[in-house]
PDB file of all heavy atoms in Angstrom:
ATOM      1  N   PHE A   1       7.796  11.922  12.979  1.00  0.00           N
ATOM      2  CA  PHE A   1       7.388  10.824  12.132  1.00  0.00           C
ATOM      3  C   PHE A   1       7.335   9.579  12.995  1.00  0.00           C
ATOM      4  O   PHE A   1       8.271   9.281  13.734  1.00  0.00           O
ATOM      5  CB  PHE A   1       8.371  10.640  10.972  1.00  0.00           C
ATOM      6  CG  PHE A   1       8.482  11.877  10.128  1.00  0.00           C
ATOM      7  CD1 PHE A   1       9.600  12.687  10.205  1.00  0.00           C
ATOM      8  CD2 PHE A   1       7.463  12.236   9.271  1.00  0.00           C
ATOM      9  CE1 PHE A   1       9.695  13.827   9.441  1.00  0.00           C
ATOM     10  CE2 PHE A   1       7.553  13.383   8.509  1.00  0.00           C
ATOM     11  CZ  PHE A   1       8.674  14.173   8.596  1.00  0.00           C
ATOM     12  N   ASN A   2       6.245   8.881  12.916  1.00  0.00           N
ATOM     13  CA  ASN A   2       6.045   7.698  13.748  1.00  0.00           C
ATOM     14  C   ASN A   2       6.588   6.439  13.086  1.00  0.00           C
ATOM     15  O   ASN A   2       6.224   5.345  13.479  1.00  0.00           O
ATOM     16  CB  ASN A   2       4.562   7.536  14.063  1.00  0.00           C
ATOM     17  CG  ASN A   2       4.049   8.689  14.884  1.00  0.00           C
ATOM     18  OD1 ASN A   2       4.765   9.223  15.722  1.00  0.00           O
ATOM     19  ND2 ASN A   2       2.815   9.092  14.642  1.00  0.00           N
ATOM     20  N   PHE A   3       7.418   6.610  12.080  1.00  0.00           N
ATOM     21  CA  PHE A   3       7.978   5.469  11.381  1.00  0.00           C
ATOM     22  C   PHE A   3       9.491   5.452  11.571  1.00  0.00           C
ATOM     23  O   PHE A   3      10.150   6.462  11.415  1.00  0.00           O
ATOM     24  CB  PHE A   3       7.679   5.543   9.875  1.00  0.00           C
ATOM     25  CG  PHE A   3       6.218   5.645   9.571  1.00  0.00           C
ATOM     26  CD1 PHE A   3       5.668   6.836   9.153  1.00  0.00           C
ATOM     27  CD2 PHE A   3       5.391   4.545   9.704  1.00  0.00           C
ATOM     28  CE1 PHE A   3       4.336   6.944   8.864  1.00  0.00           C
ATOM     29  CE2 PHE A   3       4.048   4.639   9.420  1.00  0.00           C
ATOM     30  CZ  PHE A   3       3.514   5.836   8.998  1.00  0.00           C
ATOM     31  N   SER A   4      10.017   4.286  11.848  1.00  0.00           N
ATOM     32  CA  SER A   4      11.469   4.157  11.919  1.00  0.00           C
ATOM     33  C   SER A   4      12.002   3.964  10.504  1.00  0.00           C
ATOM     34  O   SER A   4      11.241   3.714   9.563  1.00  0.00           O
ATOM     35  CB  SER A   4      11.846   2.952  12.790  1.00  0.00           C
ATOM     36  OG  SER A   4      11.438   1.759  12.142  1.00  0.00           O
ATOM     37  N   ALA A   5      13.312   4.039  10.358  1.00  0.00           N
ATOM     38  CA  ALA A   5      13.919   3.810   9.042  1.00  0.00           C
ATOM     39  C   ALA A   5      13.626   2.394   8.564  1.00  0.00           C
ATOM     40  O   ALA A   5      13.392   2.159   7.380  1.00  0.00           O
ATOM     41  CB  ALA A   5      15.420   4.064   9.110  1.00  0.00           C
ATOM     42  N   ASP A   6      13.611   1.434   9.497  1.00  0.00           N
ATOM     43  CA  ASP A   6      13.294   0.043   9.130  1.00  0.00           C
ATOM     44  C   ASP A   6      11.861  -0.082   8.609  1.00  0.00           C
ATOM     45  O   ASP A   6      11.597  -0.842   7.675  1.00  0.00           O
ATOM     46  CB  ASP A   6      13.486  -0.884  10.329  1.00  0.00           C
ATOM     47  CG  ASP A   6      14.955  -1.031  10.707  1.00  0.00           C
ATOM     48  OD1 ASP A   6      15.820  -0.809   9.830  1.00  0.00           O
ATOM     49  OD2 ASP A   6      15.228  -1.369  11.875  1.00  0.00           O
ATOM     50  N   ASP A   7      10.940   0.665   9.223  1.00  0.00           N
ATOM     51  CA  ASP A   7       9.553   0.631   8.755  1.00  0.00           C
ATOM     52  C   ASP A   7       9.446   1.156   7.329  1.00  0.00           C
ATOM     53  O   ASP A   7       8.703   0.612   6.512  1.00  0.00           O
ATOM     54  CB  ASP A   7       8.656   1.475   9.653  1.00  0.00           C
ATOM     55  CG  ASP A   7       8.415   0.840  11.001  1.00  0.00           C
ATOM     56  OD1 ASP A   7       8.554  -0.388  11.115  1.00  0.00           O
ATOM     57  OD2 ASP A   7       8.088   1.588  11.951  1.00  0.00           O
ATOM     58  N   LEU A   8      10.172   2.211   7.044  1.00  0.00           N
ATOM     59  CA  LEU A   8      10.090   2.819   5.722  1.00  0.00           C
ATOM     60  C   LEU A   8      10.771   1.984   4.647  1.00  0.00           C
ATOM     61  O   LEU A   8      10.419   2.070   3.476  1.00  0.00           O
ATOM     62  CB  LEU A   8      10.696   4.222   5.749  1.00  0.00           C
ATOM     63  CG  LEU A   8       9.949   5.225   6.632  1.00  0.00           C
ATOM     64  CD1 LEU A   8      10.729   6.525   6.706  1.00  0.00           C
ATOM     65  CD2 LEU A   8       8.554   5.470   6.117  1.00  0.00           C
ATOM     66  N   LEU A   9      11.754   1.193   5.028  1.00  0.00           N
ATOM     67  CA  LEU A   9      12.505   0.400   4.053  1.00  0.00           C
ATOM     68  C   LEU A   9      12.079  -1.060   4.006  1.00  0.00           C
ATOM     69  O   LEU A   9      12.679  -1.847   3.281  1.00  0.00           O
ATOM     70  CB  LEU A   9      14.002   0.486   4.373  1.00  0.00           C
ATOM     71  CG  LEU A   9      14.606   1.888   4.259  1.00  0.00           C
ATOM     72  CD1 LEU A   9      16.051   1.876   4.721  1.00  0.00           C
ATOM     73  CD2 LEU A   9      14.490   2.414   2.847  1.00  0.00           C
ATOM     74  N   ARG A  10      11.053  -1.421   4.762  1.00  0.00           N
ATOM     75  CA  ARG A  10      10.664  -2.837   4.812  1.00  0.00           C
ATOM     76  C   ARG A  10      10.115  -3.295   3.469  1.00  0.00           C
ATOM     77  O   ARG A  10       9.584  -2.511   2.683  1.00  0.00           O
ATOM     78  CB  ARG A  10       9.663  -3.089   5.913  1.00  0.00           C
ATOM     79  CG  ARG A  10       8.295  -2.584   5.585  1.00  0.00           C
ATOM     80  CD  ARG A  10       7.329  -2.868   6.683  1.00  0.00           C
ATOM     81  NE  ARG A  10       6.089  -2.215   6.315  1.00  0.00           N
ATOM     82  CZ  ARG A  10       4.940  -2.489   6.829  1.00  0.00           C
ATOM     83  NH1 ARG A  10       4.847  -3.391   7.761  1.00  0.00           N
ATOM     84  NH2 ARG A  10       3.863  -1.859   6.430  1.00  0.00           N
ATOM     85  N   ARG A  11      10.254  -4.560   3.238  1.00  0.00           N
ATOM     86  CA  ARG A  11       9.779  -5.165   1.998  1.00  0.00           C
ATOM     87  C   ARG A  11       8.599  -6.059   2.330  1.00  0.00           C
ATOM     88  O   ARG A  11       8.656  -6.853   3.268  1.00  0.00           O
ATOM     89  CB  ARG A  11      10.897  -5.976   1.365  1.00  0.00           C
ATOM     90  CG  ARG A  11      10.521  -6.657   0.096  1.00  0.00           C
ATOM     91  CD  ARG A  11      11.747  -7.283  -0.554  1.00  0.00           C
ATOM     92  NE  ARG A  11      11.414  -8.195  -1.597  1.00  0.00           N
ATOM     93  CZ  ARG A  11      11.016  -7.858  -2.807  1.00  0.00           C
ATOM     94  NH1 ARG A  11      10.921  -6.593  -3.108  1.00  0.00           N
ATOM     95  NH2 ARG A  11      10.730  -8.762  -3.704  1.00  0.00           N
ATOM     96  N   VAL A  12       7.547  -5.934   1.562  1.00  0.00           N
ATOM     97  CA  VAL A  12       6.353  -6.740   1.768  1.00  0.00           C
ATOM     98  C   VAL A  12       6.242  -7.683   0.583  1.00  0.00           C
ATOM     99  O   VAL A  12       6.212  -7.244  -0.562  1.00  0.00           O
ATOM    100  CB  VAL A  12       5.096  -5.853   1.875  1.00  0.00           C
ATOM    101  CG1 VAL A  12       3.859  -6.704   2.019  1.00  0.00           C
ATOM    102  CG2 VAL A  12       5.235  -4.887   3.027  1.00  0.00           C
ATOM    103  N   ASP A  13       6.202  -8.952   0.881  1.00  0.00           N
ATOM    104  CA  ASP A  13       6.052  -9.941  -0.178  1.00  0.00           C
ATOM    105  C   ASP A  13       4.575 -10.151  -0.469  1.00  0.00           C
ATOM    106  O   ASP A  13       3.784 -10.410   0.433  1.00  0.00           O
ATOM    107  CB  ASP A  13       6.696 -11.267   0.223  1.00  0.00           C
ATOM    108  CG  ASP A  13       8.207 -11.160   0.301  1.00  0.00           C
ATOM    109  OD1 ASP A  13       8.771 -10.458  -0.547  1.00  0.00           O
ATOM    110  OD2 ASP A  13       8.806 -11.763   1.203  1.00  0.00           O
ATOM    111  N   PHE A  14       4.219 -10.035  -1.728  1.00  0.00           N
ATOM    112  CA  PHE A  14       2.836 -10.228  -2.155  1.00  0.00           C
ATOM    113  C   PHE A  14       2.807 -11.390  -3.125  1.00  0.00           C
ATOM    114  O   PHE A  14       3.482 -11.381  -4.145  1.00  0.00           O
ATOM    115  CB  PHE A  14       2.307  -8.958  -2.832  1.00  0.00           C
ATOM    116  CG  PHE A  14       0.936  -9.122  -3.408  1.00  0.00           C
ATOM    117  CD1 PHE A  14      -0.162  -9.219  -2.581  1.00  0.00           C
ATOM    118  CD2 PHE A  14       0.747  -9.191  -4.768  1.00  0.00           C
ATOM    119  CE1 PHE A  14      -1.439  -9.375  -3.112  1.00  0.00           C
ATOM    120  CE2 PHE A  14      -0.508  -9.344  -5.308  1.00  0.00           C
ATOM    121  CZ  PHE A  14      -1.609  -9.443  -4.483  1.00  0.00           C
ATOM    122  N   ASN A  15       2.049 -12.411  -2.801  1.00  0.00           N
ATOM    123  CA  ASN A  15       1.953 -13.605  -3.626  1.00  0.00           C
ATOM    124  C   ASN A  15       0.676 -13.530  -4.449  1.00  0.00           C
ATOM    125  O   ASN A  15      -0.401 -13.866  -3.958  1.00  0.00           O
ATOM    126  CB  ASN A  15       1.975 -14.862  -2.751  1.00  0.00           C
ATOM    127  CG  ASN A  15       1.983 -16.133  -3.585  1.00  0.00           C
ATOM    128  OD1 ASN A  15       2.029 -16.086  -4.816  1.00  0.00           O
ATOM    129  ND2 ASN A  15       1.931 -17.257  -2.912  1.00  0.00           N
ATOM    130  N   ILE A  16       0.811 -13.098  -5.704  1.00  0.00           N
ATOM    131  CA  ILE A  16      -0.362 -12.945  -6.562  1.00  0.00           C
ATOM    132  C   ILE A  16      -0.980 -14.293  -6.920  1.00  0.00           C
ATOM    133  O   ILE A  16      -2.169 -14.391  -7.178  1.00  0.00           O
ATOM    134  CB  ILE A  16      -0.019 -12.134  -7.835  1.00  0.00           C
ATOM    135  CG1 ILE A  16      -1.291 -11.700  -8.555  1.00  0.00           C
ATOM    136  CG2 ILE A  16       0.880 -12.933  -8.759  1.00  0.00           C
ATOM    137  CD1 ILE A  16      -1.072 -10.715  -9.664  1.00  0.00           C
ATOM    138  N   LYS A  17      -0.181 -15.363  -6.896  1.00  0.00           N
ATOM    139  CA  LYS A  17      -0.689 -16.692  -7.237  1.00  0.00           C
ATOM    140  C   LYS A  17      -1.352 -17.388  -6.051  1.00  0.00           C
ATOM    141  O   LYS A  17      -2.073 -18.347  -6.225  1.00  0.00           O
ATOM    142  CB  LYS A  17       0.444 -17.563  -7.767  1.00  0.00           C
ATOM    143  CG  LYS A  17       0.987 -17.076  -9.085  1.00  0.00           C
ATOM    144  CD  LYS A  17       2.102 -17.953  -9.577  1.00  0.00           C
ATOM    145  CE  LYS A  17       2.655 -17.417 -10.879  1.00  0.00           C
ATOM    146  NZ  LYS A  17       3.777 -18.215 -11.366  1.00  0.00           N
ATOM    147  N   GLY A  18      -1.106 -16.886  -4.847  1.00  0.00           N
ATOM    148  CA  GLY A  18      -1.681 -17.492  -3.641  1.00  0.00           C
ATOM    149  C   GLY A  18      -3.010 -16.864  -3.287  1.00  0.00           C
ATOM    150  O   GLY A  18      -3.836 -16.577  -4.158  1.00  0.00           O
ATOM    151  N   ASP A  19      -3.205 -16.636  -1.977  1.00  0.00           N
ATOM    152  CA  ASP A  19      -4.455 -16.055  -1.498  1.00  0.00           C
ATOM    153  C   ASP A  19      -4.302 -14.607  -1.047  1.00  0.00           C
ATOM    154  O   ASP A  19      -5.232 -14.044  -0.467  1.00  0.00           O
ATOM    155  CB  ASP A  19      -4.991 -16.882  -0.316  1.00  0.00           C
ATOM    156  CG  ASP A  19      -5.480 -18.251  -0.760  1.00  0.00           C
ATOM    157  OD1 ASP A  19      -6.066 -18.338  -1.858  1.00  0.00           O
ATOM    158  OD2 ASP A  19      -5.262 -19.223  -0.026  1.00  0.00           O
ATOM    159  N   ASP A  20      -3.137 -13.987  -1.294  1.00  0.00           N
ATOM    160  CA  ASP A  20      -2.928 -12.611  -0.856  1.00  0.00           C
ATOM    161  C   ASP A  20      -3.869 -11.671  -1.603  1.00  0.00           C
ATOM    162  O   ASP A  20      -4.189 -11.876  -2.776  1.00  0.00           O
ATOM    163  CB  ASP A  20      -1.483 -12.174  -1.104  1.00  0.00           C
ATOM    164  CG  ASP A  20      -0.499 -12.901  -0.208  1.00  0.00           C
ATOM    165  OD1 ASP A  20      -0.945 -13.603   0.720  1.00  0.00           O
ATOM    166  OD2 ASP A  20       0.710 -12.752  -0.428  1.00  0.00           O
ATOM    167  N   LEU A  21      -4.298 -10.649  -0.899  1.00  0.00           N
ATOM    168  CA  LEU A  21      -5.247  -9.695  -1.451  1.00  0.00           C
ATOM    169  C   LEU A  21      -4.814  -8.289  -1.070  1.00  0.00           C
ATOM    170  O   LEU A  21      -4.465  -8.031   0.076  1.00  0.00           O
ATOM    171  CB  LEU A  21      -6.647  -9.971  -0.878  1.00  0.00           C
ATOM    172  CG  LEU A  21      -7.781  -9.089  -1.334  1.00  0.00           C
ATOM    173  CD1 LEU A  21      -8.121  -9.357  -2.792  1.00  0.00           C
ATOM    174  CD2 LEU A  21      -9.013  -9.337  -0.467  1.00  0.00           C
ATOM    175  N   ILE A  22      -4.798  -7.389  -2.041  1.00  0.00           N
ATOM    176  CA  ILE A  22      -4.537  -5.980  -1.761  1.00  0.00           C
ATOM    177  C   ILE A  22      -5.887  -5.290  -1.660  1.00  0.00           C
ATOM    178  O   ILE A  22      -6.711  -5.371  -2.575  1.00  0.00           O
ATOM    179  CB  ILE A  22      -3.693  -5.319  -2.868  1.00  0.00           C
ATOM    180  CG1 ILE A  22      -2.293  -5.910  -2.882  1.00  0.00           C
ATOM    181  CG2 ILE A  22      -3.637  -3.810  -2.663  1.00  0.00           C
ATOM    182  CD1 ILE A  22      -1.403  -5.364  -3.989  1.00  0.00           C
ATOM    183  N   VAL A  23      -6.128  -4.633  -0.530  1.00  0.00           N
ATOM    184  CA  VAL A  23      -7.351  -3.856  -0.334  1.00  0.00           C
ATOM    185  C   VAL A  23      -6.951  -2.392  -0.348  1.00  0.00           C
ATOM    186  O   VAL A  23      -6.142  -1.956   0.469  1.00  0.00           O
ATOM    187  CB  VAL A  23      -8.043  -4.215   0.998  1.00  0.00           C
ATOM    188  CG1 VAL A  23      -9.289  -3.370   1.196  1.00  0.00           C
ATOM    189  CG2 VAL A  23      -8.389  -5.692   1.031  1.00  0.00           C
ATOM    190  N   PHE A  24      -7.501  -1.648  -1.279  1.00  0.00           N
ATOM    191  CA  PHE A  24      -7.173  -0.230  -1.406  1.00  0.00           C
ATOM    192  C   PHE A  24      -8.188   0.587  -0.629  1.00  0.00           C
ATOM    193  O   PHE A  24      -9.363   0.626  -0.962  1.00  0.00           O
ATOM    194  CB  PHE A  24      -7.154   0.181  -2.876  1.00  0.00           C
ATOM    195  CG  PHE A  24      -6.894   1.644  -3.072  1.00  0.00           C
ATOM    196  CD1 PHE A  24      -5.709   2.214  -2.638  1.00  0.00           C
ATOM    197  CD2 PHE A  24      -7.825   2.463  -3.684  1.00  0.00           C
ATOM    198  CE1 PHE A  24      -5.455   3.559  -2.802  1.00  0.00           C
ATOM    199  CE2 PHE A  24      -7.585   3.805  -3.863  1.00  0.00           C
ATOM    200  CZ  PHE A  24      -6.397   4.355  -3.410  1.00  0.00           C
ATOM    201  N   LEU A  25      -7.712   1.237   0.427  1.00  0.00           N
ATOM    202  CA  LEU A  25      -8.547   2.127   1.233  1.00  0.00           C
ATOM    203  C   LEU A  25      -8.385   3.535   0.680  1.00  0.00           C
ATOM    204  O   LEU A  25      -7.325   4.134   0.791  1.00  0.00           O
ATOM    205  CB  LEU A  25      -8.118   2.079   2.702  1.00  0.00           C
ATOM    206  CG  LEU A  25      -8.747   3.107   3.634  1.00  0.00           C
ATOM    207  CD1 LEU A  25     -10.258   2.917   3.702  1.00  0.00           C
ATOM    208  CD2 LEU A  25      -8.142   2.996   5.017  1.00  0.00           C
ATOM    209  N   HIS A  26      -9.436   4.052   0.069  1.00  0.00           N
ATOM    210  CA  HIS A  26      -9.388   5.371  -0.554  1.00  0.00           C
ATOM    211  C   HIS A  26      -9.700   6.434   0.491  1.00  0.00           C
ATOM    212  O   HIS A  26     -10.798   6.495   1.018  1.00  0.00           O
ATOM    213  CB  HIS A  26     -10.404   5.440  -1.692  1.00  0.00           C
ATOM    214  CG  HIS A  26     -10.412   6.748  -2.410  1.00  0.00           C
ATOM    215  ND1 HIS A  26     -11.065   6.928  -3.594  1.00  0.00           N
ATOM    216  CD2 HIS A  26      -9.847   7.939  -2.136  1.00  0.00           C
ATOM    217  CE1 HIS A  26     -10.915   8.169  -4.011  1.00  0.00           C
ATOM    218  NE2 HIS A  26     -10.181   8.801  -3.134  1.00  0.00           N
ATOM    219  N   ILE A  27      -8.722   7.262   0.784  1.00  0.00           N
ATOM    220  CA  ILE A  27      -8.924   8.402   1.669  1.00  0.00           C
ATOM    221  C   ILE A  27      -9.145   9.614   0.775  1.00  0.00           C
ATOM    222  O   ILE A  27      -8.300   9.933  -0.067  1.00  0.00           O
ATOM    223  CB  ILE A  27      -7.711   8.613   2.594  1.00  0.00           C
ATOM    224  CG1 ILE A  27      -7.505   7.361   3.450  1.00  0.00           C
ATOM    225  CG2 ILE A  27      -7.905   9.844   3.458  1.00  0.00           C
ATOM    226  CD1 ILE A  27      -6.229   7.362   4.249  1.00  0.00           C
ATOM    227  N   GLN A  28     -10.261  10.274   0.952  1.00  0.00           N
ATOM    228  CA  GLN A  28     -10.647  11.362   0.055  1.00  0.00           C
ATOM    229  C   GLN A  28      -9.656  12.520   0.086  1.00  0.00           C
ATOM    230  O   GLN A  28      -9.055  12.821   1.105  1.00  0.00           O
ATOM    231  CB  GLN A  28     -12.038  11.864   0.432  1.00  0.00           C
ATOM    232  CG  GLN A  28     -13.095  10.792   0.262  1.00  0.00           C
ATOM    233  CD  GLN A  28     -14.452  11.286   0.657  1.00  0.00           C
ATOM    234  OE1 GLN A  28     -14.842  12.388   0.304  1.00  0.00           O
ATOM    235  NE2 GLN A  28     -15.193  10.481   1.384  1.00  0.00           N
ATOM    236  N   LYS A  29      -9.513  13.156  -1.064  1.00  0.00           N
ATOM    237  CA  LYS A  29      -8.682  14.353  -1.256  1.00  0.00           C
ATOM    238  C   LYS A  29      -7.199  14.101  -1.001  1.00  0.00           C
ATOM    239  O   LYS A  29      -6.475  14.979  -0.556  1.00  0.00           O
ATOM    240  CB  LYS A  29      -9.169  15.520  -0.373  1.00  0.00           C
ATOM    241  CG  LYS A  29     -10.605  15.889  -0.596  1.00  0.00           C
ATOM    242  CD  LYS A  29     -10.821  16.366  -1.999  1.00  0.00           C
ATOM    243  CE  LYS A  29     -12.284  16.679  -2.250  1.00  0.00           C
ATOM    244  NZ  LYS A  29     -12.578  16.790  -3.651  1.00  0.00           N
ATOM    245  N   THR A  30      -6.728  12.895  -1.265  1.00  0.00           N
ATOM    246  CA  THR A  30      -5.309  12.589  -1.082  1.00  0.00           C
ATOM    247  C   THR A  30      -4.691  12.010  -2.351  1.00  0.00           C
ATOM    248  O   THR A  30      -3.614  11.433  -2.301  1.00  0.00           O
ATOM    249  CB  THR A  30      -5.111  11.566   0.059  1.00  0.00           C
ATOM    250  OG1 THR A  30      -5.823  10.368  -0.276  1.00  0.00           O
ATOM    251  CG2 THR A  30      -5.578  12.119   1.383  1.00  0.00           C
ATOM    252  N   GLY A  31      -5.367  12.122  -3.482  1.00  0.00           N
ATOM    253  CA  GLY A  31      -4.856  11.569  -4.727  1.00  0.00           C
ATOM    254  C   GLY A  31      -5.250  10.114  -4.909  1.00  0.00           C
ATOM    255  O   GLY A  31      -4.670   9.396  -5.717  1.00  0.00           O
ATOM    256  N   GLY A  32      -6.236   9.656  -4.154  1.00  0.00           N
ATOM    257  CA  GLY A  32      -6.637   8.248  -4.184  1.00  0.00           C
ATOM    258  C   GLY A  32      -7.199   7.783  -5.508  1.00  0.00           C
ATOM    259  O   GLY A  32      -6.976   6.654  -5.917  1.00  0.00           O
ATOM    260  N   THR A  33      -7.936   8.628  -6.192  1.00  0.00           N
ATOM    261  CA  THR A  33      -8.496   8.238  -7.486  1.00  0.00           C
ATOM    262  C   THR A  33      -7.376   7.995  -8.486  1.00  0.00           C
ATOM    263  O   THR A  33      -7.362   6.991  -9.202  1.00  0.00           O
ATOM    264  CB  THR A  33      -9.465   9.316  -8.004  1.00  0.00           C
ATOM    265  OG1 THR A  33     -10.518   9.471  -7.056  1.00  0.00           O
ATOM    266  CG2 THR A  33     -10.033   8.945  -9.352  1.00  0.00           C
ATOM    267  N   THR A  34      -6.409   8.881  -8.516  1.00  0.00           N
ATOM    268  CA  THR A  34      -5.265   8.725  -9.424  1.00  0.00           C
ATOM    269  C   THR A  34      -4.482   7.464  -9.071  1.00  0.00           C
ATOM    270  O   THR A  34      -4.115   6.687  -9.953  1.00  0.00           O
ATOM    271  CB  THR A  34      -4.350   9.958  -9.346  1.00  0.00           C
ATOM    272  OG1 THR A  34      -5.123  11.111  -9.678  1.00  0.00           O
ATOM    273  CG2 THR A  34      -3.173   9.836 -10.284  1.00  0.00           C
ATOM    274  N   PHE A  35      -4.220   7.248  -7.784  1.00  0.00           N
ATOM    275  CA  PHE A  35      -3.465   6.067  -7.379  1.00  0.00           C
ATOM    276  C   PHE A  35      -4.261   4.791  -7.650  1.00  0.00           C
ATOM    277  O   PHE A  35      -3.692   3.790  -8.083  1.00  0.00           O
ATOM    278  CB  PHE A  35      -3.102   6.142  -5.892  1.00  0.00           C
ATOM    279  CG  PHE A  35      -2.228   5.011  -5.456  1.00  0.00           C
ATOM    280  CD1 PHE A  35      -0.898   4.968  -5.818  1.00  0.00           C
ATOM    281  CD2 PHE A  35      -2.745   3.978  -4.688  1.00  0.00           C
ATOM    282  CE1 PHE A  35      -0.086   3.923  -5.432  1.00  0.00           C
ATOM    283  CE2 PHE A  35      -1.938   2.925  -4.295  1.00  0.00           C
ATOM    284  CZ  PHE A  35      -0.608   2.902  -4.667  1.00  0.00           C
ATOM    285  N   GLY A  36      -5.573   4.820  -7.435  1.00  0.00           N
ATOM    286  CA  GLY A  36      -6.410   3.653  -7.723  1.00  0.00           C
ATOM    287  C   GLY A  36      -6.377   3.283  -9.197  1.00  0.00           C
ATOM    288  O   GLY A  36      -6.302   2.104  -9.563  1.00  0.00           O
ATOM    289  N   ARG A  37      -6.419   4.288 -10.061  1.00  0.00           N
ATOM    290  CA  ARG A  37      -6.299   4.030 -11.505  1.00  0.00           C
ATOM    291  C   ARG A  37      -4.924   3.458 -11.839  1.00  0.00           C
ATOM    292  O   ARG A  37      -4.789   2.576 -12.673  1.00  0.00           O
ATOM    293  CB  ARG A  37      -6.528   5.309 -12.296  1.00  0.00           C
ATOM    294  CG  ARG A  37      -7.953   5.648 -12.459  1.00  0.00           C
ATOM    295  CD  ARG A  37      -8.127   6.741 -13.516  1.00  0.00           C
ATOM    296  NE  ARG A  37      -9.357   7.435 -13.281  1.00  0.00           N
ATOM    297  CZ  ARG A  37      -9.463   8.701 -12.940  1.00  0.00           C
ATOM    298  NH1 ARG A  37      -8.401   9.455 -12.833  1.00  0.00           N
ATOM    299  NH2 ARG A  37     -10.634   9.243 -12.731  1.00  0.00           N
ATOM    300  N   HIS A  38      -3.894   3.979 -11.170  1.00  0.00           N
ATOM    301  CA  HIS A  38      -2.530   3.486 -11.390  1.00  0.00           C
ATOM    302  C   HIS A  38      -2.430   2.005 -11.020  1.00  0.00           C
ATOM    303  O   HIS A  38      -1.770   1.234 -11.723  1.00  0.00           O
ATOM    304  CB  HIS A  38      -1.546   4.309 -10.575  1.00  0.00           C
ATOM    305  CG  HIS A  38      -0.162   3.757 -10.549  1.00  0.00           C
ATOM    306  ND1 HIS A  38       0.674   3.795 -11.639  1.00  0.00           N
ATOM    307  CD2 HIS A  38       0.523   3.139  -9.561  1.00  0.00           C
ATOM    308  CE1 HIS A  38       1.821   3.204 -11.325  1.00  0.00           C
ATOM    309  NE2 HIS A  38       1.756   2.814 -10.071  1.00  0.00           N
TER     310      HIS A  38
END
């Protein structure tokens, strides 16, 4: 696994009132449609 424990437990702050933007990259056949709907 190329992730350390710190990478897996990191917290990302998302400011919905600011200029932050979530871009959803859909990778086919990985459950992306279900997650996108979620």
